[in-house]
């Protein structure tokens, strides 16, 4: 939907989306914190937004329009980013938290995106998750990434969805589940899709982590 675009939402697209959600009644509905449209063009990519007051107002207005038109809550997904804007005045976490406060939307936490962005932007992924507004997270995504290097030889991770979930992302997932408990989790694999057995093993590992890891609230209750 190009939630972050500096232009009005596509009303025809919204109408089609409403027909789709009314027909299939999905339990959850999400959109990325990104933009994909400019003037009359559409880019088949999820492009980042600067974290400014102007962008915050625009994103919140668009989410309000979507939720009002569809008559249901939307989840906003954290992006995988490869650069930062000099004009940003918010951290990514504070920006997303303010969007939630203004709109009442829920959140989709893409743990792979957390690790990709944290590596590219030199953040601490554990600190990111711990500071995230976890109380509003209703879904988690996991995926694989490709490791490359930038012009200065520093690690550059690309969110490619074409390989197994990395071990460090599994650890971040376990840490997240330990904070908020088990919630609906999707493993994304969009290219170079392997045999069913491999996909099943990835799903079973996510399920096993959610069964084994106890959220902090239960651990504290058990210790009393």
N, C-alpha and C. Protein backbone atom coordinates (compact mmCIF):
# COMPACT_ATOMS: atom_id res chain seq x y z
N UNK A 1 0.81 -1.22 0.00
CA UNK A 1 0.00 0.00 0.00
C UNK A 1 0.84 1.26 0.00
N UNK A 2 2.14 1.14 0.16
CA UNK A 2 3.02 2.31 0.17
C UNK A 2 2.61 3.26 1.30
N UNK A 3 2.53 2.72 2.51
CA UNK A 3 2.09 3.46 3.69
C UNK A 3 2.93 4.71 3.93
N UNK A 4 4.22 4.64 3.60
CA UNK A 4 5.10 5.77 3.88
C UNK A 4 5.26 6.75 2.74
N UNK A 5 4.53 6.58 1.66
CA UNK A 5 4.71 7.44 0.49
C UNK A 5 4.19 8.85 0.73
N UNK A 6 4.82 9.81 0.09
CA UNK A 6 4.40 11.21 0.17
C UNK A 6 3.35 11.48 -0.90
N UNK A 7 2.26 10.74 -0.82
CA UNK A 7 1.16 10.88 -1.77
C UNK A 7 -0.05 10.15 -1.19
N UNK A 8 -1.26 10.43 -1.67
CA UNK A 8 -2.45 9.75 -1.13
C UNK A 8 -2.40 8.26 -1.40
N UNK A 9 -3.10 7.51 -0.57
CA UNK A 9 -3.22 6.08 -0.79
C UNK A 9 -4.04 5.81 -2.06
N UNK A 10 -3.78 4.68 -2.68
CA UNK A 10 -4.48 4.26 -3.89
C UNK A 10 -5.86 3.73 -3.48
N UNK A 11 -6.92 4.48 -3.77
CA UNK A 11 -8.26 4.09 -3.35
C UNK A 11 -8.74 2.82 -4.03
N UNK A 12 -8.36 2.63 -5.30
CA UNK A 12 -8.75 1.39 -5.99
C UNK A 12 -8.11 0.19 -5.32
N UNK A 13 -6.85 0.34 -4.94
CA UNK A 13 -6.16 -0.75 -4.24
C UNK A 13 -6.82 -1.02 -2.91
N UNK A 14 -7.21 0.01 -2.19
CA UNK A 14 -7.88 -0.17 -0.91
C UNK A 14 -9.20 -0.91 -1.08
N UNK A 15 -9.96 -0.57 -2.12
CA UNK A 15 -11.22 -1.26 -2.36
C UNK A 15 -11.00 -2.74 -2.66
N UNK A 16 -9.98 -3.04 -3.45
CA UNK A 16 -9.68 -4.45 -3.74
C UNK A 16 -9.24 -5.17 -2.47
N UNK A 17 -8.47 -4.48 -1.65
CA UNK A 17 -8.01 -5.08 -0.40
C UNK A 17 -9.19 -5.36 0.52
N UNK A 18 -10.15 -4.45 0.57
CA UNK A 18 -11.32 -4.66 1.42
C UNK A 18 -12.12 -5.87 0.94
N UNK A 19 -12.27 -6.01 -0.36
CA UNK A 19 -12.97 -7.18 -0.90
C UNK A 19 -12.25 -8.47 -0.51
N UNK A 20 -10.93 -8.42 -0.57
CA UNK A 20 -10.13 -9.61 -0.24
C UNK A 20 -10.30 -9.98 1.23
N UNK A 21 -10.19 -8.99 2.13
CA UNK A 21 -10.29 -9.30 3.55
C UNK A 21 -11.70 -9.72 3.94
N UNK A 22 -12.71 -9.16 3.29
CA UNK A 22 -14.09 -9.57 3.58
C UNK A 22 -14.36 -10.99 3.08
N UNK A 23 -13.74 -11.36 1.98
CA UNK A 23 -13.97 -12.69 1.43
C UNK A 23 -13.29 -13.78 2.27
N UNK A 24 -12.02 -13.53 2.67
CA UNK A 24 -11.25 -14.58 3.34
C UNK A 24 -11.13 -14.39 4.86
N UNK A 25 -11.52 -13.23 5.36
CA UNK A 25 -11.51 -12.95 6.80
C UNK A 25 -10.24 -13.43 7.49
N UNK A 26 -9.07 -12.93 7.07
CA UNK A 26 -7.82 -13.35 7.71
C UNK A 26 -7.78 -12.93 9.18
N UNK A 27 -7.12 -13.73 9.99
CA UNK A 27 -7.01 -13.40 11.41
C UNK A 27 -6.17 -12.16 11.64
N UNK A 28 -5.15 -11.95 10.80
CA UNK A 28 -4.25 -10.80 10.94
C UNK A 28 -4.00 -10.20 9.56
N UNK A 29 -3.76 -8.91 9.55
CA UNK A 29 -3.48 -8.19 8.30
C UNK A 29 -2.35 -7.21 8.57
N UNK A 30 -1.33 -7.22 7.72
CA UNK A 30 -0.15 -6.38 7.99
C UNK A 30 0.32 -5.64 6.75
N UNK A 31 1.12 -4.61 7.00
CA UNK A 31 1.74 -3.83 5.94
C UNK A 31 3.10 -3.35 6.43
N UNK A 32 4.03 -3.18 5.49
CA UNK A 32 5.38 -2.76 5.85
C UNK A 32 5.48 -1.25 6.08
N UNK A 33 6.36 -0.87 6.97
CA UNK A 33 6.72 0.54 7.13
C UNK A 33 7.70 0.88 6.01
N UNK A 34 7.13 1.31 4.88
CA UNK A 34 7.94 1.55 3.68
C UNK A 34 7.09 2.30 2.66
N UNK A 35 7.72 2.63 1.54
CA UNK A 35 6.98 3.21 0.42
C UNK A 35 7.44 2.56 -0.87
N UNK A 36 6.55 2.55 -1.87
CA UNK A 36 6.85 1.89 -3.14
C UNK A 36 6.35 2.68 -4.34
N UNK A 37 5.74 3.84 -4.11
CA UNK A 37 5.14 4.60 -5.21
C UNK A 37 5.67 6.03 -5.23
N UNK A 38 5.74 6.59 -6.44
CA UNK A 38 6.16 7.98 -6.61
C UNK A 38 5.59 8.49 -7.92
N UNK A 39 4.83 9.60 -7.82
CA UNK A 39 4.13 10.12 -8.99
C UNK A 39 3.30 9.01 -9.61
N UNK A 40 3.58 8.63 -10.85
CA UNK A 40 2.80 7.58 -11.50
C UNK A 40 3.53 6.24 -11.49
N UNK A 41 4.69 6.18 -10.84
CA UNK A 41 5.50 4.97 -10.87
C UNK A 41 5.28 4.09 -9.65
N UNK A 42 5.50 2.79 -9.83
CA UNK A 42 5.46 1.82 -8.74
C UNK A 42 6.74 1.03 -8.77
N UNK A 43 7.41 0.94 -7.63
CA UNK A 43 8.67 0.21 -7.52
C UNK A 43 8.42 -1.11 -6.78
N UNK A 44 8.87 -2.18 -7.36
CA UNK A 44 8.66 -3.49 -6.75
C UNK A 44 9.68 -3.71 -5.64
N UNK A 45 9.62 -2.82 -4.64
CA UNK A 45 10.56 -2.90 -3.53
C UNK A 45 9.96 -2.17 -2.34
N UNK A 46 10.54 -2.38 -1.16
CA UNK A 46 10.10 -1.73 0.06
C UNK A 46 11.16 -0.71 0.46
N UNK A 47 10.93 0.54 0.12
CA UNK A 47 11.93 1.58 0.29
C UNK A 47 11.77 2.25 1.65
N UNK A 48 12.87 2.66 2.29
CA UNK A 48 12.81 3.19 3.66
C UNK A 48 12.28 4.62 3.71
N UNK A 49 11.85 5.00 4.90
CA UNK A 49 11.36 6.37 5.13
C UNK A 49 12.25 7.06 6.15
N UNK A 50 12.40 8.38 6.05
CA UNK A 50 13.10 9.11 7.11
C UNK A 50 12.21 9.18 8.34
N UNK A 51 12.81 9.07 9.51
CA UNK A 51 12.03 9.09 10.75
C UNK A 51 11.95 10.52 11.27
N UNK A 52 10.99 11.25 10.73
CA UNK A 52 10.78 12.65 11.08
C UNK A 52 9.32 12.86 11.51
N UNK A 53 9.03 14.02 12.08
CA UNK A 53 7.66 14.35 12.48
C UNK A 53 6.72 14.37 11.28
N UNK A 54 7.23 14.88 10.15
CA UNK A 54 6.41 14.93 8.94
C UNK A 54 6.05 13.52 8.47
N UNK A 55 7.03 12.63 8.46
CA UNK A 55 6.76 11.26 8.04
C UNK A 55 5.83 10.58 9.03
N UNK A 56 6.02 10.83 10.31
CA UNK A 56 5.17 10.22 11.34
C UNK A 56 3.71 10.61 11.12
N UNK A 57 3.45 11.88 10.88
CA UNK A 57 2.08 12.33 10.64
C UNK A 57 1.49 11.68 9.40
N UNK A 58 2.30 11.58 8.35
CA UNK A 58 1.81 11.00 7.11
C UNK A 58 1.50 9.51 7.28
N UNK A 59 2.41 8.77 7.92
CA UNK A 59 2.19 7.34 8.12
C UNK A 59 0.98 7.11 9.01
N UNK A 60 0.86 7.88 10.09
CA UNK A 60 -0.29 7.73 10.99
C UNK A 60 -1.60 8.03 10.26
N UNK A 61 -1.60 9.07 9.44
CA UNK A 61 -2.81 9.40 8.68
C UNK A 61 -3.18 8.27 7.73
N UNK A 62 -2.21 7.70 7.06
CA UNK A 62 -2.48 6.61 6.13
C UNK A 62 -3.02 5.38 6.86
N UNK A 63 -2.42 5.06 8.01
CA UNK A 63 -2.89 3.90 8.76
C UNK A 63 -4.31 4.13 9.27
N UNK A 64 -4.61 5.34 9.73
CA UNK A 64 -5.97 5.67 10.15
C UNK A 64 -6.95 5.45 9.00
N UNK A 65 -6.57 5.88 7.80
CA UNK A 65 -7.44 5.71 6.64
C UNK A 65 -7.67 4.24 6.34
N UNK A 66 -6.60 3.45 6.39
CA UNK A 66 -6.72 2.03 6.10
C UNK A 66 -7.61 1.34 7.12
N UNK A 67 -7.36 1.59 8.40
CA UNK A 67 -8.13 0.91 9.45
C UNK A 67 -9.60 1.34 9.42
N UNK A 68 -9.86 2.59 9.14
CA UNK A 68 -11.25 3.06 9.06
C UNK A 68 -11.96 2.46 7.86
N UNK A 69 -11.27 2.42 6.73
CA UNK A 69 -11.90 1.92 5.51
C UNK A 69 -12.15 0.41 5.59
N UNK A 70 -11.18 -0.33 6.15
CA UNK A 70 -11.33 -1.78 6.23
C UNK A 70 -12.17 -2.21 7.43
N UNK A 71 -12.28 -1.33 8.41
CA UNK A 71 -13.03 -1.69 9.61
C UNK A 71 -12.33 -2.73 10.45
N UNK A 72 -10.99 -2.71 10.45
CA UNK A 72 -10.22 -3.67 11.22
C UNK A 72 -8.83 -3.11 11.51
N UNK A 73 -8.17 -3.72 12.48
CA UNK A 73 -6.83 -3.27 12.85
C UNK A 73 -5.79 -3.76 11.85
N UNK A 74 -4.79 -2.95 11.62
CA UNK A 74 -3.67 -3.29 10.77
C UNK A 74 -2.43 -3.50 11.63
N UNK A 75 -1.58 -4.43 11.25
CA UNK A 75 -0.27 -4.58 11.89
C UNK A 75 0.78 -3.89 11.03
N UNK A 76 1.71 -3.20 11.67
CA UNK A 76 2.79 -2.53 10.96
C UNK A 76 4.08 -3.31 11.17
N UNK A 77 4.78 -3.62 10.08
CA UNK A 77 6.00 -4.43 10.15
C UNK A 77 7.25 -3.56 10.08
N UNK A 78 8.20 -3.83 10.98
CA UNK A 78 9.48 -3.12 10.97
C UNK A 78 10.26 -3.47 9.71
N UNK A 79 10.98 -2.52 9.12
CA UNK A 79 11.65 -2.76 7.84
C UNK A 79 13.05 -3.35 7.99
N UNK A 80 13.53 -3.93 6.91
CA UNK A 80 14.97 -4.22 6.80
C UNK A 80 15.58 -3.02 6.09
N UNK A 81 16.55 -2.38 6.72
CA UNK A 81 17.10 -1.14 6.16
C UNK A 81 18.60 -1.29 5.88
N UNK A 82 19.07 -0.47 4.96
CA UNK A 82 20.46 -0.54 4.51
C UNK A 82 21.18 0.79 4.64
N UNK A 83 20.45 1.81 5.05
CA UNK A 83 21.03 3.14 5.23
C UNK A 83 20.17 3.90 6.21
N UNK A 84 20.69 5.02 6.70
CA UNK A 84 19.94 5.90 7.59
C UNK A 84 19.87 7.28 6.96
N UNK A 85 18.79 7.99 7.22
CA UNK A 85 18.62 9.33 6.67
C UNK A 85 19.20 10.36 7.64
N UNK A 86 19.97 11.30 7.11
CA UNK A 86 20.57 12.34 7.96
C UNK A 86 19.50 13.19 8.63
N UNK A 87 18.33 13.33 7.99
CA UNK A 87 17.29 14.19 8.55
C UNK A 87 16.44 13.52 9.61
N UNK A 88 16.63 12.23 9.86
CA UNK A 88 15.83 11.53 10.87
C UNK A 88 16.04 12.14 12.25
N UNK A 89 14.93 12.36 12.95
CA UNK A 89 14.98 12.91 14.32
C UNK A 89 14.45 11.91 15.34
N UNK A 90 13.98 10.75 14.89
CA UNK A 90 13.51 9.67 15.76
C UNK A 90 14.40 8.45 15.55
N UNK A 91 14.55 7.65 16.58
CA UNK A 91 15.07 6.30 16.36
C UNK A 91 13.95 5.48 15.73
N UNK A 92 14.30 4.37 15.11
CA UNK A 92 13.28 3.53 14.49
C UNK A 92 12.26 3.05 15.52
N UNK A 93 12.73 2.64 16.68
CA UNK A 93 11.84 2.12 17.71
C UNK A 93 10.89 3.20 18.21
N UNK A 94 11.41 4.40 18.48
CA UNK A 94 10.55 5.49 18.96
C UNK A 94 9.54 5.89 17.90
N UNK A 95 9.95 5.86 16.65
CA UNK A 95 9.04 6.20 15.55
C UNK A 95 7.89 5.20 15.51
N UNK A 96 8.20 3.90 15.54
CA UNK A 96 7.17 2.88 15.50
C UNK A 96 6.27 2.95 16.72
N UNK A 97 6.84 3.19 17.89
CA UNK A 97 6.04 3.30 19.11
C UNK A 97 5.06 4.47 19.01
N UNK A 98 5.49 5.58 18.44
CA UNK A 98 4.60 6.73 18.29
C UNK A 98 3.49 6.46 17.28
N UNK A 99 3.80 5.71 16.23
CA UNK A 99 2.76 5.32 15.27
C UNK A 99 1.68 4.51 15.97
N UNK A 100 2.10 3.57 16.82
CA UNK A 100 1.14 2.75 17.56
C UNK A 100 0.28 3.62 18.47
N UNK A 101 0.89 4.55 19.18
CA UNK A 101 0.14 5.42 20.09
C UNK A 101 -0.87 6.28 19.34
N UNK A 102 -0.50 6.73 18.17
CA UNK A 102 -1.39 7.62 17.42
C UNK A 102 -2.53 6.88 16.73
N UNK A 103 -2.29 5.64 16.31
CA UNK A 103 -3.26 4.95 15.45
C UNK A 103 -3.96 3.77 16.10
N UNK A 104 -3.37 3.20 17.15
CA UNK A 104 -3.94 1.98 17.71
C UNK A 104 -3.67 0.75 16.87
N UNK A 105 -2.76 0.85 15.91
CA UNK A 105 -2.43 -0.33 15.10
C UNK A 105 -1.64 -1.32 15.95
N UNK A 106 -1.58 -2.57 15.47
CA UNK A 106 -0.73 -3.57 16.10
C UNK A 106 0.61 -3.62 15.39
N UNK A 107 1.46 -4.55 15.81
CA UNK A 107 2.79 -4.66 15.22
C UNK A 107 3.08 -6.09 14.79
N UNK A 108 3.81 -6.18 13.69
CA UNK A 108 4.40 -7.43 13.23
C UNK A 108 5.91 -7.26 13.38
N UNK A 109 6.51 -8.08 14.22
CA UNK A 109 7.96 -7.98 14.44
C UNK A 109 8.69 -8.98 13.56
N UNK A 110 9.39 -8.48 12.56
CA UNK A 110 10.21 -9.34 11.71
C UNK A 110 11.59 -9.43 12.35
N UNK A 111 11.88 -10.58 12.97
CA UNK A 111 13.12 -10.74 13.71
C UNK A 111 14.32 -10.75 12.76
N UNK A 112 14.15 -11.31 11.58
CA UNK A 112 15.24 -11.27 10.60
C UNK A 112 15.54 -9.84 10.19
N UNK A 113 14.50 -9.03 10.00
CA UNK A 113 14.71 -7.63 9.66
C UNK A 113 15.47 -6.89 10.77
N UNK A 114 15.18 -7.27 12.02
CA UNK A 114 15.90 -6.67 13.15
C UNK A 114 17.39 -6.94 13.01
N UNK A 115 17.74 -8.19 12.72
CA UNK A 115 19.16 -8.52 12.63
C UNK A 115 19.81 -7.90 11.39
N UNK A 116 19.11 -7.92 10.27
CA UNK A 116 19.63 -7.31 9.04
C UNK A 116 19.90 -5.82 9.26
N UNK A 117 18.90 -5.11 9.76
CA UNK A 117 19.06 -3.66 9.98
C UNK A 117 20.11 -3.37 11.05
N UNK A 118 20.14 -4.19 12.10
CA UNK A 118 21.11 -3.96 13.18
C UNK A 118 22.54 -4.14 12.69
N UNK A 119 22.76 -5.12 11.83
CA UNK A 119 24.09 -5.32 11.27
C UNK A 119 24.47 -4.17 10.34
N UNK A 120 23.54 -3.80 9.47
CA UNK A 120 23.82 -2.74 8.50
C UNK A 120 23.99 -1.37 9.16
N UNK A 121 23.25 -1.14 10.25
CA UNK A 121 23.26 0.18 10.90
C UNK A 121 24.11 0.19 12.17
N UNK A 122 24.72 -0.96 12.47
CA UNK A 122 25.58 -1.08 13.65
C UNK A 122 24.79 -0.82 14.95
N UNK A 123 23.62 -1.47 15.04
CA UNK A 123 22.83 -1.46 16.26
C UNK A 123 23.06 -2.76 17.01
N UNK A 124 22.61 -2.80 18.25
CA UNK A 124 22.61 -4.02 19.06
C UNK A 124 21.24 -4.67 18.90
N UNK A 125 21.12 -5.84 18.26
CA UNK A 125 19.80 -6.42 18.01
C UNK A 125 19.06 -6.82 19.29
N UNK A 126 19.78 -7.27 20.31
CA UNK A 126 19.12 -7.61 21.58
C UNK A 126 18.53 -6.35 22.21
N UNK A 127 19.32 -5.27 22.23
CA UNK A 127 18.82 -4.01 22.78
C UNK A 127 17.62 -3.50 21.98
N UNK A 128 17.65 -3.71 20.66
CA UNK A 128 16.53 -3.30 19.81
C UNK A 128 15.26 -4.02 20.25
N UNK A 129 15.34 -5.33 20.37
CA UNK A 129 14.16 -6.11 20.75
C UNK A 129 13.69 -5.73 22.15
N UNK A 130 14.62 -5.57 23.08
CA UNK A 130 14.24 -5.24 24.45
C UNK A 130 13.55 -3.88 24.54
N UNK A 131 13.92 -2.95 23.66
CA UNK A 131 13.33 -1.61 23.70
C UNK A 131 12.07 -1.50 22.84
N UNK A 132 11.79 -2.52 22.04
CA UNK A 132 10.66 -2.50 21.12
C UNK A 132 9.34 -2.54 21.90
N UNK A 133 8.26 -1.92 21.38
CA UNK A 133 6.96 -1.99 22.07
C UNK A 133 6.33 -3.37 21.93
N UNK A 134 6.91 -4.33 22.64
CA UNK A 134 6.56 -5.74 22.47
C UNK A 134 5.12 -6.05 22.85
N UNK A 135 4.51 -5.25 23.71
CA UNK A 135 3.13 -5.51 24.12
C UNK A 135 2.16 -5.43 22.95
N UNK A 136 2.58 -4.79 21.87
CA UNK A 136 1.69 -4.61 20.72
C UNK A 136 1.99 -5.59 19.58
N UNK A 137 2.97 -6.46 19.77
CA UNK A 137 3.35 -7.41 18.72
C UNK A 137 2.35 -8.57 18.70
N UNK A 138 1.78 -8.82 17.53
CA UNK A 138 0.79 -9.89 17.37
C UNK A 138 1.26 -10.99 16.42
N UNK A 139 2.37 -10.76 15.74
CA UNK A 139 2.88 -11.75 14.78
C UNK A 139 4.39 -11.55 14.65
N UNK A 140 5.09 -12.66 14.34
CA UNK A 140 6.53 -12.62 14.13
C UNK A 140 6.84 -13.21 12.76
N UNK A 141 7.82 -12.63 12.08
CA UNK A 141 8.35 -13.20 10.85
C UNK A 141 9.81 -13.61 11.03
N UNK A 142 10.17 -14.71 10.37
CA UNK A 142 11.55 -15.19 10.31
C UNK A 142 11.90 -15.43 8.85
N UNK A 143 13.18 -15.30 8.51
CA UNK A 143 13.59 -15.52 7.11
C UNK A 143 15.11 -15.67 7.05
N UNK A 144 15.59 -15.99 5.88
CA UNK A 144 17.03 -16.04 5.64
C UNK A 144 17.51 -14.78 4.96
N UNK A 145 18.80 -14.51 5.08
CA UNK A 145 19.40 -13.32 4.47
C UNK A 145 20.67 -13.71 3.73
N UNK A 146 21.14 -12.81 2.86
CA UNK A 146 22.39 -12.99 2.15
C UNK A 146 23.44 -12.04 2.72
N UNK A 147 24.64 -12.55 2.97
CA UNK A 147 25.72 -11.73 3.51
C UNK A 147 26.61 -11.23 2.38
N UNK A 148 26.75 -9.92 2.30
CA UNK A 148 27.64 -9.29 1.33
C UNK A 148 28.53 -8.29 2.09
N UNK A 149 29.18 -7.40 1.36
CA UNK A 149 30.02 -6.37 1.98
C UNK A 149 29.80 -5.06 1.25
N UNK A 150 29.88 -3.96 2.01
CA UNK A 150 29.72 -2.66 1.37
C UNK A 150 31.05 -2.18 0.77
N UNK A 151 31.09 -0.95 0.30
CA UNK A 151 32.27 -0.42 -0.38
C UNK A 151 33.48 -0.32 0.54
N UNK A 152 33.25 -0.31 1.84
CA UNK A 152 34.35 -0.22 2.80
C UNK A 152 34.68 -1.57 3.41
N UNK A 153 34.07 -2.62 2.87
CA UNK A 153 34.37 -3.96 3.35
C UNK A 153 33.61 -4.37 4.61
N UNK A 154 32.66 -3.55 5.04
CA UNK A 154 31.88 -3.87 6.23
C UNK A 154 30.75 -4.82 5.86
N UNK A 155 30.27 -5.64 6.80
CA UNK A 155 29.17 -6.56 6.51
C UNK A 155 27.93 -5.81 6.02
N UNK A 156 27.31 -6.34 4.99
CA UNK A 156 26.06 -5.81 4.46
C UNK A 156 25.12 -6.98 4.26
N UNK A 157 24.04 -7.01 5.01
CA UNK A 157 23.08 -8.11 4.93
C UNK A 157 21.89 -7.69 4.07
N UNK A 158 21.47 -8.61 3.20
CA UNK A 158 20.34 -8.37 2.30
C UNK A 158 19.22 -9.33 2.66
N UNK A 159 18.03 -8.80 2.84
CA UNK A 159 16.86 -9.60 3.24
C UNK A 159 16.30 -10.32 2.02
N UNK A 160 16.89 -11.49 1.69
CA UNK A 160 16.57 -12.15 0.43
C UNK A 160 15.51 -13.25 0.51
N UNK A 161 15.24 -13.78 1.70
CA UNK A 161 14.21 -14.83 1.85
C UNK A 161 14.49 -16.02 0.94
N UNK A 162 15.74 -16.43 0.80
CA UNK A 162 16.05 -17.50 -0.15
C UNK A 162 16.92 -18.60 0.46
N UNK A 163 16.93 -18.72 1.80
CA UNK A 163 17.75 -19.71 2.47
C UNK A 163 17.24 -19.92 3.89
N UNK A 164 17.79 -20.89 4.61
CA UNK A 164 17.31 -21.15 5.97
C UNK A 164 17.53 -19.96 6.89
N UNK A 165 16.74 -19.93 7.95
CA UNK A 165 16.90 -18.91 8.99
C UNK A 165 18.27 -19.09 9.63
N UNK A 166 19.01 -17.99 9.79
CA UNK A 166 20.35 -18.05 10.36
C UNK A 166 20.29 -18.36 11.86
N UNK A 167 21.34 -18.98 12.36
CA UNK A 167 21.37 -19.39 13.77
C UNK A 167 21.19 -18.20 14.71
N UNK A 168 21.80 -17.08 14.39
CA UNK A 168 21.68 -15.92 15.28
C UNK A 168 20.26 -15.38 15.27
N UNK A 169 19.55 -15.52 14.15
CA UNK A 169 18.16 -15.09 14.09
C UNK A 169 17.29 -16.03 14.93
N UNK A 170 17.59 -17.33 14.90
CA UNK A 170 16.88 -18.25 15.79
C UNK A 170 17.09 -17.85 17.25
N UNK A 171 18.29 -17.46 17.61
CA UNK A 171 18.56 -17.04 18.99
C UNK A 171 17.78 -15.77 19.34
N UNK A 172 17.70 -14.85 18.40
CA UNK A 172 16.91 -13.64 18.63
C UNK A 172 15.43 -13.96 18.76
N UNK A 173 14.98 -14.92 17.99
CA UNK A 173 13.58 -15.37 18.08
C UNK A 173 13.31 -15.96 19.46
N UNK A 174 14.22 -16.80 19.94
CA UNK A 174 14.05 -17.39 21.28
C UNK A 174 14.04 -16.29 22.34
N UNK A 175 14.90 -15.29 22.18
CA UNK A 175 14.93 -14.18 23.12
C UNK A 175 13.60 -13.43 23.11
N UNK A 176 13.06 -13.22 21.91
CA UNK A 176 11.78 -12.50 21.78
C UNK A 176 10.64 -13.29 22.41
N UNK A 177 10.58 -14.58 22.11
CA UNK A 177 9.55 -15.43 22.69
C UNK A 177 9.68 -15.46 24.21
N UNK A 178 10.92 -15.41 24.70
CA UNK A 178 11.14 -15.36 26.13
C UNK A 178 10.59 -14.09 26.76
N UNK A 179 10.47 -13.04 25.96
CA UNK A 179 9.93 -11.77 26.47
C UNK A 179 8.41 -11.73 26.39
N UNK A 180 7.83 -12.25 25.31
CA UNK A 180 6.39 -12.04 25.07
C UNK A 180 5.58 -13.32 24.98
N UNK A 181 6.25 -14.48 24.96
CA UNK A 181 5.52 -15.73 24.84
C UNK A 181 5.27 -16.10 23.38
N UNK A 182 4.70 -17.29 23.14
CA UNK A 182 4.46 -17.75 21.77
C UNK A 182 3.33 -16.97 21.09
N UNK A 183 3.57 -16.54 19.88
CA UNK A 183 2.54 -15.88 19.08
C UNK A 183 2.66 -16.38 17.64
N UNK A 184 1.68 -16.13 16.78
CA UNK A 184 1.75 -16.60 15.40
C UNK A 184 3.06 -16.20 14.73
N UNK A 185 3.72 -17.19 14.11
CA UNK A 185 5.03 -16.97 13.51
C UNK A 185 5.05 -17.53 12.09
N UNK A 186 5.56 -16.74 11.17
CA UNK A 186 5.64 -17.13 9.76
C UNK A 186 7.10 -17.15 9.32
N UNK A 187 7.51 -18.24 8.67
CA UNK A 187 8.83 -18.29 8.05
C UNK A 187 8.68 -17.96 6.57
N UNK A 188 9.36 -16.90 6.13
CA UNK A 188 9.25 -16.45 4.75
C UNK A 188 10.37 -17.08 3.91
N UNK A 189 9.99 -17.70 2.80
CA UNK A 189 10.98 -18.28 1.88
C UNK A 189 10.42 -18.08 0.48
N UNK A 190 10.91 -17.06 -0.21
CA UNK A 190 10.29 -16.62 -1.47
C UNK A 190 11.03 -17.04 -2.73
N UNK A 191 12.32 -17.33 -2.62
CA UNK A 191 13.12 -17.68 -3.81
C UNK A 191 13.98 -18.90 -3.49
N UNK A 192 14.35 -19.63 -4.54
CA UNK A 192 15.13 -20.87 -4.36
C UNK A 192 14.46 -21.76 -3.32
N UNK A 193 13.17 -21.94 -3.47
CA UNK A 193 12.39 -22.69 -2.48
C UNK A 193 12.82 -24.15 -2.48
N UNK A 194 13.17 -24.71 -1.31
CA UNK A 194 13.67 -26.09 -1.24
C UNK A 194 12.54 -27.11 -1.17
N UNK A 195 12.91 -28.34 -0.96
CA UNK A 195 11.93 -29.41 -0.81
C UNK A 195 11.08 -29.17 0.44
N UNK A 196 9.89 -29.76 0.44
CA UNK A 196 8.97 -29.59 1.55
C UNK A 196 9.59 -29.97 2.89
N UNK A 197 10.42 -30.99 2.90
CA UNK A 197 11.01 -31.46 4.15
C UNK A 197 11.80 -30.34 4.84
N UNK A 198 12.55 -29.57 4.05
CA UNK A 198 13.33 -28.47 4.62
C UNK A 198 12.44 -27.39 5.20
N UNK A 199 11.39 -27.05 4.49
CA UNK A 199 10.45 -26.05 4.98
C UNK A 199 9.79 -26.53 6.27
N UNK A 200 9.43 -27.79 6.29
CA UNK A 200 8.77 -28.36 7.47
C UNK A 200 9.71 -28.33 8.68
N UNK A 201 10.98 -28.61 8.45
CA UNK A 201 11.94 -28.59 9.55
C UNK A 201 12.09 -27.19 10.14
N UNK A 202 12.07 -26.18 9.28
CA UNK A 202 12.15 -24.80 9.76
C UNK A 202 10.92 -24.46 10.63
N UNK A 203 9.76 -24.86 10.13
CA UNK A 203 8.53 -24.59 10.88
C UNK A 203 8.52 -25.34 12.21
N UNK A 204 8.98 -26.57 12.19
CA UNK A 204 9.01 -27.37 13.42
C UNK A 204 10.00 -26.78 14.43
N UNK A 205 11.08 -26.19 13.95
CA UNK A 205 12.03 -25.59 14.89
C UNK A 205 11.41 -24.37 15.56
N UNK A 206 10.69 -23.57 14.80
CA UNK A 206 10.01 -22.42 15.40
C UNK A 206 9.00 -22.88 16.44
N UNK A 207 8.26 -23.91 16.12
CA UNK A 207 7.27 -24.45 17.05
C UNK A 207 7.94 -24.97 18.32
N UNK A 208 9.07 -25.67 18.14
CA UNK A 208 9.77 -26.23 19.30
C UNK A 208 10.28 -25.12 20.22
N UNK A 209 10.78 -24.05 19.64
CA UNK A 209 11.27 -22.94 20.47
C UNK A 209 10.13 -22.34 21.27
N UNK A 210 8.98 -22.16 20.63
CA UNK A 210 7.84 -21.58 21.34
C UNK A 210 7.32 -22.49 22.44
N UNK A 211 7.48 -23.79 22.27
CA UNK A 211 7.03 -24.73 23.30
C UNK A 211 7.99 -24.80 24.48
N UNK A 212 9.28 -24.63 24.20
CA UNK A 212 10.29 -24.80 25.24
C UNK A 212 10.55 -23.52 26.01
N UNK A 213 10.62 -22.39 25.31
CA UNK A 213 10.99 -21.12 25.95
C UNK A 213 9.79 -20.56 26.71
N UNK A 214 9.98 -20.31 27.97
CA UNK A 214 8.93 -19.70 28.78
C UNK A 214 9.07 -18.19 28.79
N UNK A 215 7.97 -17.47 28.64
CA UNK A 215 8.06 -16.02 28.74
C UNK A 215 8.46 -15.59 30.13
N UNK A 216 9.03 -14.40 30.23
CA UNK A 216 9.53 -13.90 31.51
C UNK A 216 8.46 -13.87 32.59
N UNK A 217 7.23 -13.53 32.24
CA UNK A 217 6.17 -13.42 33.24
C UNK A 217 5.93 -14.76 33.93
N UNK A 218 5.99 -15.87 33.17
CA UNK A 218 5.79 -17.18 33.76
C UNK A 218 6.97 -17.60 34.59
N UNK A 219 8.19 -17.25 34.14
CA UNK A 219 9.38 -17.60 34.90
C UNK A 219 9.38 -16.90 36.25
N UNK A 220 8.96 -15.64 36.24
CA UNK A 220 8.93 -14.89 37.50
C UNK A 220 7.86 -15.44 38.42
N UNK A 221 6.72 -15.83 37.85
CA UNK A 221 5.64 -16.39 38.68
C UNK A 221 6.06 -17.71 39.30
N UNK A 222 6.79 -18.53 38.55
CA UNK A 222 7.22 -19.84 39.04
C UNK A 222 8.25 -19.71 40.14
N UNK A 223 9.01 -18.61 40.13
CA UNK A 223 10.08 -18.42 41.11
C UNK A 223 9.55 -17.89 42.45
N UNK A 224 8.31 -17.46 42.48
CA UNK A 224 7.77 -16.88 43.72
C UNK A 224 7.38 -17.98 44.70
